[in-house]
């Protein structure tokens, strides 16, 4: 059974989220009509879960951060998601916040993904971005800068764990003198 072999190839992948492009690469399928026919078959059979156009999960136990960064590329997890996980803000946000090329809010199943647009020179710069598991995520310092860049008066609950030298080094990415001034003010109040 060739069809069983195709689904086994997908399940052998460590990814929990698969785009149409991922599936084509795993299967070695270059014919788009054949690819879409096979994907539709497996989605109807329940072997793939269609989450959004061109985005599928192998089962319902998928990684939401991996999903968030699969919707638009390039993108990385940042803003309130990273700040909350690092203990810099205490407010719980159920949405996953992502830096990307577009501003958009996507509701996929029970998950909300909020994209905030950063200019390309910032988005494509990988300084302060960690490539973990199957997605990219900002360091706490990069998330602070991303947030201050778009929301100059943002309130942070706890900036004591921030490495300010790293912040000032990363601030060069943004090419924004006002951001550096705001950063210095936040550093002063954090100490």
N, C-alpha and C. Protein backbone atom coordinates (compact mmCIF):
# COMPACT_ATOMS: atom_id res chain seq x y z
N UNK A 1 0.61 -1.07 0.00
CA UNK A 1 0.00 0.00 0.00
C UNK A 1 0.74 1.31 0.00
N UNK A 2 0.76 1.87 -1.16
CA UNK A 2 1.44 3.15 -1.35
C UNK A 2 0.81 4.25 -0.53
N UNK A 3 -0.53 4.22 -0.39
CA UNK A 3 -1.19 5.28 0.37
C UNK A 3 -0.83 5.21 1.85
N UNK A 4 -0.71 4.02 2.40
CA UNK A 4 -0.30 3.88 3.80
C UNK A 4 1.11 4.41 3.99
N UNK A 5 1.94 4.19 2.99
CA UNK A 5 3.32 4.64 3.02
C UNK A 5 3.37 6.17 3.04
N UNK A 6 2.48 6.84 2.30
CA UNK A 6 2.46 8.30 2.26
C UNK A 6 2.13 8.89 3.62
N UNK A 7 1.13 8.36 4.27
CA UNK A 7 0.73 8.90 5.58
C UNK A 7 1.80 8.57 6.62
N UNK A 8 2.45 7.42 6.49
CA UNK A 8 3.54 7.05 7.41
C UNK A 8 4.70 8.04 7.27
N UNK A 9 4.97 8.48 6.05
CA UNK A 9 6.03 9.48 5.83
C UNK A 9 5.71 10.78 6.57
N UNK A 10 4.44 11.19 6.54
CA UNK A 10 4.05 12.41 7.24
C UNK A 10 4.21 12.25 8.74
N UNK A 11 3.79 11.11 9.25
CA UNK A 11 3.87 10.88 10.69
C UNK A 11 5.30 10.67 11.17
N UNK A 12 6.21 10.35 10.26
CA UNK A 12 7.62 10.21 10.63
C UNK A 12 8.27 11.58 10.83
N UNK A 13 7.67 12.61 10.28
CA UNK A 13 8.20 13.97 10.43
C UNK A 13 7.99 14.44 11.88
N UNK A 14 8.98 15.13 12.44
CA UNK A 14 8.82 15.63 13.82
C UNK A 14 7.84 16.80 13.93
N UNK A 15 7.47 17.39 12.80
CA UNK A 15 6.56 18.53 12.80
C UNK A 15 5.15 18.11 13.21
N UNK A 16 4.48 18.98 13.96
CA UNK A 16 3.08 18.72 14.30
C UNK A 16 2.16 19.45 13.32
N UNK A 17 2.69 20.47 12.65
CA UNK A 17 1.97 21.25 11.65
C UNK A 17 2.66 21.07 10.32
N UNK A 18 1.87 20.83 9.29
CA UNK A 18 2.41 20.64 7.95
C UNK A 18 1.70 21.57 6.97
N UNK A 19 2.48 22.32 6.21
CA UNK A 19 1.90 23.12 5.15
C UNK A 19 1.84 22.27 3.89
N UNK A 20 1.12 22.75 2.91
CA UNK A 20 1.04 22.04 1.63
C UNK A 20 2.45 21.85 1.07
N UNK A 21 3.28 22.86 1.22
CA UNK A 21 4.67 22.77 0.72
C UNK A 21 5.45 21.69 1.47
N UNK A 22 5.26 21.60 2.80
CA UNK A 22 5.92 20.55 3.59
C UNK A 22 5.51 19.17 3.09
N UNK A 23 4.22 19.00 2.88
CA UNK A 23 3.70 17.70 2.44
C UNK A 23 4.26 17.34 1.07
N UNK A 24 4.31 18.30 0.16
CA UNK A 24 4.86 18.05 -1.17
C UNK A 24 6.32 17.60 -1.09
N UNK A 25 7.09 18.24 -0.21
CA UNK A 25 8.50 17.87 -0.05
C UNK A 25 8.64 16.47 0.56
N UNK A 26 7.86 16.17 1.58
CA UNK A 26 7.93 14.86 2.24
C UNK A 26 7.53 13.75 1.27
N UNK A 27 6.50 13.98 0.50
CA UNK A 27 6.03 12.97 -0.44
C UNK A 27 6.80 12.95 -1.75
N UNK A 28 7.56 14.03 -2.01
CA UNK A 28 8.26 14.12 -3.29
C UNK A 28 7.28 14.31 -4.45
N UNK A 29 6.17 14.97 -4.18
CA UNK A 29 5.11 15.16 -5.18
C UNK A 29 5.27 16.52 -5.85
N UNK A 30 5.47 16.53 -7.15
CA UNK A 30 5.64 17.79 -7.88
C UNK A 30 4.38 18.18 -8.65
N UNK A 31 3.47 17.25 -8.87
CA UNK A 31 2.23 17.52 -9.58
C UNK A 31 1.20 18.06 -8.59
N UNK A 32 0.83 19.34 -8.75
CA UNK A 32 -0.08 19.98 -7.79
C UNK A 32 -1.44 19.30 -7.74
N UNK A 33 -1.95 18.88 -8.86
CA UNK A 33 -3.27 18.23 -8.88
C UNK A 33 -3.23 16.95 -8.07
N UNK A 34 -2.20 16.14 -8.29
CA UNK A 34 -2.06 14.90 -7.51
C UNK A 34 -1.90 15.21 -6.02
N UNK A 35 -1.10 16.21 -5.71
CA UNK A 35 -0.85 16.58 -4.32
C UNK A 35 -2.16 16.96 -3.63
N UNK A 36 -2.92 17.87 -4.24
CA UNK A 36 -4.16 18.32 -3.61
C UNK A 36 -5.19 17.19 -3.51
N UNK A 37 -5.21 16.31 -4.48
CA UNK A 37 -6.12 15.16 -4.44
C UNK A 37 -5.79 14.25 -3.27
N UNK A 38 -4.51 13.97 -3.09
CA UNK A 38 -4.07 13.11 -1.99
C UNK A 38 -4.34 13.76 -0.62
N UNK A 39 -4.04 15.06 -0.54
CA UNK A 39 -4.27 15.78 0.72
C UNK A 39 -5.76 15.75 1.07
N UNK A 40 -6.60 16.01 0.07
CA UNK A 40 -8.05 16.01 0.29
C UNK A 40 -8.51 14.63 0.76
N UNK A 41 -7.98 13.59 0.15
CA UNK A 41 -8.33 12.22 0.53
C UNK A 41 -8.00 11.96 2.00
N UNK A 42 -6.77 12.31 2.40
CA UNK A 42 -6.35 12.05 3.79
C UNK A 42 -7.09 12.94 4.78
N UNK A 43 -7.43 14.16 4.37
CA UNK A 43 -8.21 15.04 5.25
C UNK A 43 -9.62 14.47 5.43
N UNK A 44 -10.22 14.01 4.36
CA UNK A 44 -11.56 13.41 4.45
C UNK A 44 -11.54 12.12 5.26
N UNK A 45 -10.45 11.39 5.17
CA UNK A 45 -10.30 10.12 5.90
C UNK A 45 -10.02 10.36 7.39
N UNK A 46 -9.55 11.57 7.74
CA UNK A 46 -9.25 11.90 9.13
C UNK A 46 -7.79 11.70 9.50
N UNK A 47 -6.95 11.36 8.52
CA UNK A 47 -5.52 11.18 8.79
C UNK A 47 -4.79 12.52 8.89
N UNK A 48 -5.38 13.57 8.33
CA UNK A 48 -4.87 14.93 8.43
C UNK A 48 -6.02 15.83 8.89
N UNK A 49 -5.71 16.81 9.72
CA UNK A 49 -6.72 17.75 10.17
C UNK A 49 -6.44 19.08 9.47
N UNK A 50 -7.41 19.54 8.71
CA UNK A 50 -7.26 20.82 8.01
C UNK A 50 -7.54 21.94 9.01
N UNK A 51 -6.53 22.78 9.27
CA UNK A 51 -6.68 23.88 10.22
C UNK A 51 -7.03 25.19 9.51
N UNK A 52 -6.42 25.39 8.38
CA UNK A 52 -6.61 26.60 7.60
C UNK A 52 -6.20 26.26 6.17
N UNK A 53 -6.41 27.17 5.27
CA UNK A 53 -6.04 26.91 3.89
C UNK A 53 -4.55 26.61 3.79
N UNK A 54 -4.23 25.41 3.35
CA UNK A 54 -2.83 25.02 3.15
C UNK A 54 -2.09 24.64 4.41
N UNK A 55 -2.78 24.54 5.56
CA UNK A 55 -2.13 24.21 6.82
C UNK A 55 -2.89 23.05 7.47
N UNK A 56 -2.13 22.01 7.83
CA UNK A 56 -2.72 20.78 8.37
C UNK A 56 -1.99 20.34 9.63
N UNK A 57 -2.70 19.61 10.47
CA UNK A 57 -2.10 19.00 11.65
C UNK A 57 -2.23 17.48 11.51
N UNK A 58 -1.25 16.77 12.07
CA UNK A 58 -1.30 15.30 12.04
C UNK A 58 -2.34 14.77 13.01
N UNK A 59 -2.53 15.49 14.13
CA UNK A 59 -3.55 15.11 15.10
C UNK A 59 -3.93 16.36 15.90
N UNK A 60 -4.84 16.23 16.83
CA UNK A 60 -5.32 17.39 17.58
C UNK A 60 -4.33 17.87 18.64
N UNK A 61 -3.26 17.15 18.87
CA UNK A 61 -2.25 17.52 19.86
C UNK A 61 -1.09 18.24 19.18
N UNK A 62 -1.39 19.34 18.50
CA UNK A 62 -0.34 20.07 17.78
C UNK A 62 0.15 21.25 18.60
N UNK A 63 1.32 21.76 18.22
CA UNK A 63 1.96 22.87 18.91
C UNK A 63 1.39 24.19 18.36
N UNK A 64 0.76 24.98 19.21
CA UNK A 64 0.13 26.23 18.78
C UNK A 64 1.17 27.22 18.26
N UNK A 65 2.34 27.25 18.86
CA UNK A 65 3.38 28.17 18.39
C UNK A 65 3.86 27.77 17.00
N UNK A 66 3.95 26.48 16.76
CA UNK A 66 4.32 26.00 15.43
C UNK A 66 3.24 26.39 14.42
N UNK A 67 1.98 26.25 14.81
CA UNK A 67 0.87 26.68 13.95
C UNK A 67 1.00 28.17 13.64
N UNK A 68 1.22 28.98 14.67
CA UNK A 68 1.26 30.44 14.51
C UNK A 68 2.33 30.87 13.51
N UNK A 69 3.48 30.24 13.56
CA UNK A 69 4.57 30.64 12.65
C UNK A 69 4.46 29.97 11.29
N UNK A 70 3.51 29.06 11.13
CA UNK A 70 3.29 28.42 9.82
C UNK A 70 2.31 29.19 8.95
N UNK A 71 1.53 30.07 9.55
CA UNK A 71 0.49 30.79 8.81
C UNK A 71 1.12 31.74 7.79
N UNK A 72 2.04 32.57 8.26
CA UNK A 72 2.78 33.49 7.37
C UNK A 72 4.25 33.28 7.63
N UNK A 73 5.04 33.32 6.57
CA UNK A 73 6.49 33.30 6.73
C UNK A 73 7.07 34.49 5.99
N UNK A 74 8.10 35.11 6.51
CA UNK A 74 8.76 34.80 7.77
C UNK A 74 7.94 35.32 8.96
N UNK A 75 8.10 34.67 10.08
CA UNK A 75 7.46 35.11 11.31
C UNK A 75 8.15 34.46 12.50
N UNK A 76 7.96 35.05 13.66
CA UNK A 76 8.49 34.46 14.89
C UNK A 76 7.62 34.88 16.06
N UNK A 77 7.59 34.06 17.10
CA UNK A 77 6.82 34.33 18.31
C UNK A 77 7.51 35.49 19.05
N UNK A 78 6.71 36.48 19.48
CA UNK A 78 7.27 37.64 20.18
C UNK A 78 6.19 38.30 21.04
N UNK A 79 6.40 39.56 21.34
CA UNK A 79 5.47 40.42 22.06
C UNK A 79 4.97 39.78 23.36
N UNK A 80 3.67 39.89 23.63
CA UNK A 80 3.13 39.45 24.92
C UNK A 80 3.35 37.97 25.21
N UNK A 81 3.42 37.14 24.18
CA UNK A 81 3.62 35.71 24.41
C UNK A 81 4.97 35.47 25.09
N UNK A 82 6.02 36.05 24.55
CA UNK A 82 7.37 35.88 25.12
C UNK A 82 7.46 36.63 26.45
N UNK A 83 6.91 37.83 26.50
CA UNK A 83 6.99 38.62 27.72
C UNK A 83 6.31 37.92 28.89
N UNK A 84 5.16 37.30 28.64
CA UNK A 84 4.45 36.57 29.70
C UNK A 84 5.26 35.36 30.15
N UNK A 85 5.79 34.60 29.19
CA UNK A 85 6.56 33.40 29.54
C UNK A 85 7.84 33.73 30.28
N UNK A 86 8.41 34.92 30.03
CA UNK A 86 9.64 35.33 30.70
C UNK A 86 9.36 36.02 32.04
N UNK A 87 8.09 36.22 32.40
CA UNK A 87 7.75 36.87 33.66
C UNK A 87 7.91 38.38 33.63
N UNK A 88 7.92 38.97 32.43
CA UNK A 88 8.09 40.41 32.29
C UNK A 88 6.73 41.12 32.39
N UNK A 89 5.69 40.45 31.95
CA UNK A 89 4.33 40.94 32.17
C UNK A 89 3.56 39.82 32.87
N UNK A 90 2.55 40.21 33.64
CA UNK A 90 1.80 39.22 34.40
C UNK A 90 0.41 38.96 33.84
N UNK A 91 -0.07 39.83 32.96
CA UNK A 91 -1.41 39.68 32.40
C UNK A 91 -1.44 38.46 31.48
N UNK A 92 -2.47 37.65 31.67
CA UNK A 92 -2.60 36.47 30.81
C UNK A 92 -3.32 36.85 29.52
N UNK A 93 -2.73 36.48 28.42
CA UNK A 93 -3.34 36.66 27.10
C UNK A 93 -3.50 35.27 26.51
N UNK A 94 -4.69 34.94 26.09
CA UNK A 94 -4.90 33.60 25.53
C UNK A 94 -4.41 33.53 24.08
N UNK A 95 -4.25 34.67 23.44
CA UNK A 95 -3.77 34.69 22.05
C UNK A 95 -2.27 34.44 22.01
N UNK A 96 -1.80 33.99 20.85
CA UNK A 96 -0.37 33.85 20.59
C UNK A 96 0.03 35.03 19.72
N UNK A 97 1.05 35.78 20.13
CA UNK A 97 1.47 36.99 19.42
C UNK A 97 2.71 36.71 18.58
N UNK A 98 2.64 37.16 17.32
CA UNK A 98 3.66 36.82 16.34
C UNK A 98 4.09 38.08 15.58
N UNK A 99 5.40 38.20 15.35
CA UNK A 99 5.93 39.25 14.48
C UNK A 99 5.92 38.72 13.06
N UNK A 100 5.42 39.52 12.14
CA UNK A 100 5.33 39.07 10.76
C UNK A 100 5.31 40.23 9.78
N UNK A 101 5.04 39.91 8.53
CA UNK A 101 5.00 40.91 7.45
C UNK A 101 3.66 41.62 7.37
N UNK A 102 2.64 41.08 8.04
CA UNK A 102 1.29 41.62 7.97
C UNK A 102 0.71 41.76 9.37
N UNK A 103 -0.21 42.70 9.51
CA UNK A 103 -0.99 42.79 10.73
C UNK A 103 -2.28 42.03 10.47
N UNK A 104 -2.60 41.08 11.30
CA UNK A 104 -3.81 40.29 11.12
C UNK A 104 -4.11 39.53 12.41
N UNK A 105 -5.36 39.15 12.56
CA UNK A 105 -5.77 38.28 13.65
C UNK A 105 -6.45 37.08 13.02
N UNK A 106 -5.98 35.90 13.34
CA UNK A 106 -6.53 34.66 12.79
C UNK A 106 -7.08 33.82 13.92
N UNK A 107 -8.28 33.33 13.72
CA UNK A 107 -8.90 32.40 14.68
C UNK A 107 -8.90 31.03 14.01
N UNK A 108 -8.16 30.10 14.58
CA UNK A 108 -8.08 28.75 14.04
C UNK A 108 -8.47 27.79 15.16
N UNK A 109 -9.63 27.18 14.99
CA UNK A 109 -10.16 26.33 16.05
C UNK A 109 -10.38 27.16 17.29
N UNK A 110 -9.82 26.71 18.40
CA UNK A 110 -9.96 27.45 19.66
C UNK A 110 -8.81 28.41 19.90
N UNK A 111 -7.91 28.54 18.94
CA UNK A 111 -6.72 29.38 19.10
C UNK A 111 -6.83 30.68 18.33
N UNK A 112 -6.34 31.76 18.95
CA UNK A 112 -6.26 33.06 18.28
C UNK A 112 -4.79 33.41 18.11
N UNK A 113 -4.44 33.81 16.90
CA UNK A 113 -3.07 34.20 16.60
C UNK A 113 -3.11 35.65 16.12
N UNK A 114 -2.35 36.51 16.80
CA UNK A 114 -2.32 37.93 16.46
C UNK A 114 -0.95 38.24 15.84
N UNK A 115 -0.99 38.72 14.60
CA UNK A 115 0.22 39.11 13.90
C UNK A 115 0.38 40.61 13.99
N UNK A 116 1.60 41.04 14.29
CA UNK A 116 1.93 42.46 14.31
C UNK A 116 3.02 42.68 13.27
N UNK A 117 2.80 43.68 12.46
CA UNK A 117 3.71 43.94 11.33
C UNK A 117 4.97 44.67 11.78
N UNK A 118 6.10 44.13 11.38
CA UNK A 118 7.39 44.79 11.56
C UNK A 118 7.98 45.01 10.16
N UNK A 119 8.72 46.09 10.01
CA UNK A 119 9.32 46.32 8.70
C UNK A 119 10.34 45.23 8.40
N UNK A 120 10.56 45.00 7.12
CA UNK A 120 11.38 43.87 6.68
C UNK A 120 12.79 43.87 7.27
N UNK A 121 13.41 45.04 7.39
CA UNK A 121 14.78 45.09 7.91
C UNK A 121 14.86 44.55 9.33
N UNK A 122 13.78 44.69 10.09
CA UNK A 122 13.73 44.16 11.46
C UNK A 122 13.35 42.68 11.42
N UNK A 123 12.31 42.37 10.68
CA UNK A 123 11.78 41.01 10.61
C UNK A 123 12.82 40.00 10.12
N UNK A 124 13.60 40.40 9.13
CA UNK A 124 14.58 39.48 8.53
C UNK A 124 15.89 39.40 9.32
N UNK A 125 16.05 40.25 10.32
CA UNK A 125 17.28 40.21 11.12
C UNK A 125 17.10 39.16 12.22
N UNK A 126 17.98 38.19 12.26
CA UNK A 126 17.82 37.06 13.20
C UNK A 126 18.49 37.27 14.56
N UNK A 127 19.06 38.43 14.80
CA UNK A 127 19.66 38.68 16.11
C UNK A 127 18.57 38.64 17.18
N UNK A 128 18.83 37.92 18.24
CA UNK A 128 17.87 37.84 19.34
C UNK A 128 16.71 36.89 19.06
N UNK A 129 16.81 36.12 18.00
CA UNK A 129 15.77 35.14 17.65
C UNK A 129 16.37 33.75 17.85
N UNK A 130 15.67 32.92 18.61
CA UNK A 130 16.12 31.54 18.82
C UNK A 130 15.28 30.63 17.94
N UNK A 131 15.92 29.66 17.36
CA UNK A 131 15.22 28.68 16.54
C UNK A 131 15.07 27.43 17.38
N UNK A 132 13.92 27.33 18.04
CA UNK A 132 13.63 26.22 18.95
C UNK A 132 12.64 25.27 18.31
N UNK A 133 12.79 24.03 18.62
CA UNK A 133 11.85 23.01 18.19
C UNK A 133 11.53 23.19 16.71
N UNK A 134 10.31 23.58 16.42
CA UNK A 134 9.89 23.70 15.03
C UNK A 134 9.43 25.11 14.69
N UNK A 135 9.86 26.09 15.46
CA UNK A 135 9.48 27.48 15.23
C UNK A 135 10.57 28.41 15.75
N UNK A 136 10.46 29.69 15.40
CA UNK A 136 11.40 30.71 15.87
C UNK A 136 10.71 31.56 16.93
N UNK A 137 11.50 31.94 17.94
CA UNK A 137 10.94 32.72 19.06
C UNK A 137 11.95 33.77 19.50
N UNK A 138 11.44 34.95 19.82
CA UNK A 138 12.30 36.06 20.26
C UNK A 138 12.82 35.81 21.67
N UNK A 139 14.02 36.29 21.93
CA UNK A 139 14.53 36.30 23.30
C UNK A 139 13.72 37.34 24.06
N UNK A 140 13.72 37.31 25.38
CA UNK A 140 12.99 38.34 26.13
C UNK A 140 13.42 39.76 25.76
N UNK A 141 14.72 39.95 25.54
CA UNK A 141 15.22 41.28 25.18
C UNK A 141 14.67 41.72 23.83
N UNK A 142 14.66 40.82 22.87
CA UNK A 142 14.13 41.15 21.53
C UNK A 142 12.62 41.41 21.62
N UNK A 143 11.91 40.65 22.44
CA UNK A 143 10.46 40.86 22.60
C UNK A 143 10.18 42.23 23.23
N UNK A 144 11.01 42.64 24.19
CA UNK A 144 10.85 43.96 24.80
C UNK A 144 11.02 45.03 23.72
N UNK A 145 12.04 44.90 22.91
CA UNK A 145 12.30 45.88 21.86
C UNK A 145 11.20 45.88 20.79
N UNK A 146 10.76 44.70 20.37
CA UNK A 146 9.66 44.62 19.40
C UNK A 146 8.43 45.36 19.94
N UNK A 147 8.15 45.13 21.22
CA UNK A 147 6.97 45.73 21.84
C UNK A 147 7.12 47.24 21.95
N UNK A 148 8.27 47.71 22.42
CA UNK A 148 8.50 49.16 22.54
C UNK A 148 8.52 49.84 21.18
N UNK A 149 8.95 49.15 20.16
CA UNK A 149 8.99 49.71 18.81
C UNK A 149 7.56 50.02 18.33
N UNK A 150 6.62 49.13 18.62
CA UNK A 150 5.25 49.32 18.16
C UNK A 150 4.34 49.99 19.19
N UNK A 151 4.67 49.86 20.47
CA UNK A 151 3.86 50.44 21.55
C UNK A 151 4.77 51.19 22.51
N UNK A 152 5.11 52.45 22.20
CA UNK A 152 6.10 53.20 22.97
C UNK A 152 5.82 53.34 24.47
N UNK A 153 4.55 53.28 24.88
CA UNK A 153 4.23 53.48 26.30
C UNK A 153 3.76 52.19 26.96
N UNK A 154 4.22 51.07 26.48
CA UNK A 154 3.79 49.78 27.00
C UNK A 154 4.22 49.64 28.46
N UNK A 155 3.37 49.02 29.29
CA UNK A 155 3.68 48.82 30.70
C UNK A 155 4.22 47.40 30.91
N UNK A 156 5.41 47.33 31.47
CA UNK A 156 6.04 46.06 31.82
C UNK A 156 5.96 45.91 33.34
N UNK A 157 5.59 44.74 33.81
CA UNK A 157 5.46 44.52 35.25
C UNK A 157 6.81 44.28 35.93
N UNK A 158 7.74 43.64 35.23
CA UNK A 158 8.99 43.21 35.88
C UNK A 158 10.12 43.17 34.86
N UNK A 159 10.97 44.19 34.90
CA UNK A 159 12.10 44.26 33.96
C UNK A 159 13.43 43.91 34.63
N UNK A 160 13.38 43.33 35.81
CA UNK A 160 14.63 43.05 36.54
C UNK A 160 15.48 41.96 35.90
N UNK A 161 14.90 41.05 35.15
CA UNK A 161 15.67 39.97 34.54
C UNK A 161 16.23 40.30 33.17
N UNK A 162 16.03 41.52 32.72
CA UNK A 162 16.47 41.91 31.37
C UNK A 162 17.96 42.20 31.37
N UNK A 163 18.63 41.72 30.34
CA UNK A 163 20.04 42.03 30.13
C UNK A 163 20.07 43.31 29.29
N UNK A 164 20.35 44.44 29.94
CA UNK A 164 20.26 45.73 29.27
C UNK A 164 21.34 45.90 28.21
N UNK A 165 22.51 45.30 28.42
CA UNK A 165 23.57 45.39 27.40
C UNK A 165 23.10 44.74 26.10
N UNK A 166 22.44 43.59 26.23
CA UNK A 166 21.89 42.90 25.05
C UNK A 166 20.82 43.76 24.40
N UNK A 167 19.96 44.37 25.21
CA UNK A 167 18.90 45.24 24.67
C UNK A 167 19.49 46.39 23.85
N UNK A 168 20.48 47.06 24.40
CA UNK A 168 21.06 48.19 23.68
C UNK A 168 21.79 47.74 22.41
N UNK A 169 22.40 46.58 22.45
CA UNK A 169 23.03 46.03 21.24
C UNK A 169 21.98 45.70 20.18
N UNK A 170 20.90 45.05 20.61
CA UNK A 170 19.82 44.69 19.67
C UNK A 170 19.07 45.91 19.15
N UNK A 171 19.06 46.99 19.91
CA UNK A 171 18.31 48.18 19.49
C UNK A 171 18.83 48.76 18.17
N UNK A 172 20.06 48.42 17.81
CA UNK A 172 20.63 48.92 16.54
C UNK A 172 19.85 48.39 15.34
N UNK A 173 19.22 47.23 15.48
CA UNK A 173 18.43 46.62 14.41
C UNK A 173 17.31 47.56 13.96
N UNK A 174 16.74 48.29 14.91
CA UNK A 174 15.53 49.08 14.68
C UNK A 174 15.82 50.44 14.04
N UNK A 175 17.08 50.88 14.10
CA UNK A 175 17.49 52.15 13.50
C UNK A 175 16.50 53.26 13.90
N UNK A 176 16.29 53.40 15.23
CA UNK A 176 15.29 54.32 15.74
C UNK A 176 15.81 54.96 17.03
N UNK A 177 16.17 56.24 16.95
CA UNK A 177 16.74 56.95 18.10
C UNK A 177 15.75 57.08 19.25
N UNK A 178 14.47 57.26 18.92
CA UNK A 178 13.45 57.38 19.96
C UNK A 178 13.33 56.08 20.76
N UNK A 179 13.48 54.96 20.08
CA UNK A 179 13.42 53.65 20.75
C UNK A 179 14.56 53.54 21.76
N UNK A 180 15.74 53.98 21.39
CA UNK A 180 16.90 53.92 22.29
C UNK A 180 16.66 54.81 23.52
N UNK A 181 16.07 55.99 23.30
CA UNK A 181 15.76 56.88 24.43
C UNK A 181 14.73 56.23 25.36
N UNK A 182 13.69 55.64 24.78
CA UNK A 182 12.67 54.97 25.60
C UNK A 182 13.30 53.82 26.38
N UNK A 183 14.18 53.07 25.73
CA UNK A 183 14.85 51.95 26.37
C UNK A 183 15.66 52.42 27.57
N UNK A 184 16.37 53.55 27.42
CA UNK A 184 17.16 54.10 28.53
C UNK A 184 16.26 54.50 29.69
N UNK A 185 15.09 55.04 29.38
CA UNK A 185 14.13 55.42 30.42
C UNK A 185 13.62 54.18 31.17
N UNK A 186 13.28 53.15 30.44
CA UNK A 186 12.81 51.90 31.07
C UNK A 186 13.93 51.30 31.93
N UNK A 187 15.17 51.36 31.46
CA UNK A 187 16.29 50.82 32.23
C UNK A 187 16.45 51.58 33.55
N UNK A 188 16.31 52.88 33.48
CA UNK A 188 16.44 53.72 34.68
C UNK A 188 15.39 53.34 35.73
N UNK A 189 14.14 53.13 35.29
CA UNK A 189 13.08 52.80 36.24
C UNK A 189 13.15 51.34 36.72
N UNK A 190 13.80 50.51 35.97
CA UNK A 190 13.89 49.09 36.36
C UNK A 190 14.94 48.87 37.45
N UNK A 191 15.86 49.82 37.59
CA UNK A 191 16.95 49.64 38.55
C UNK A 191 16.65 50.21 39.92
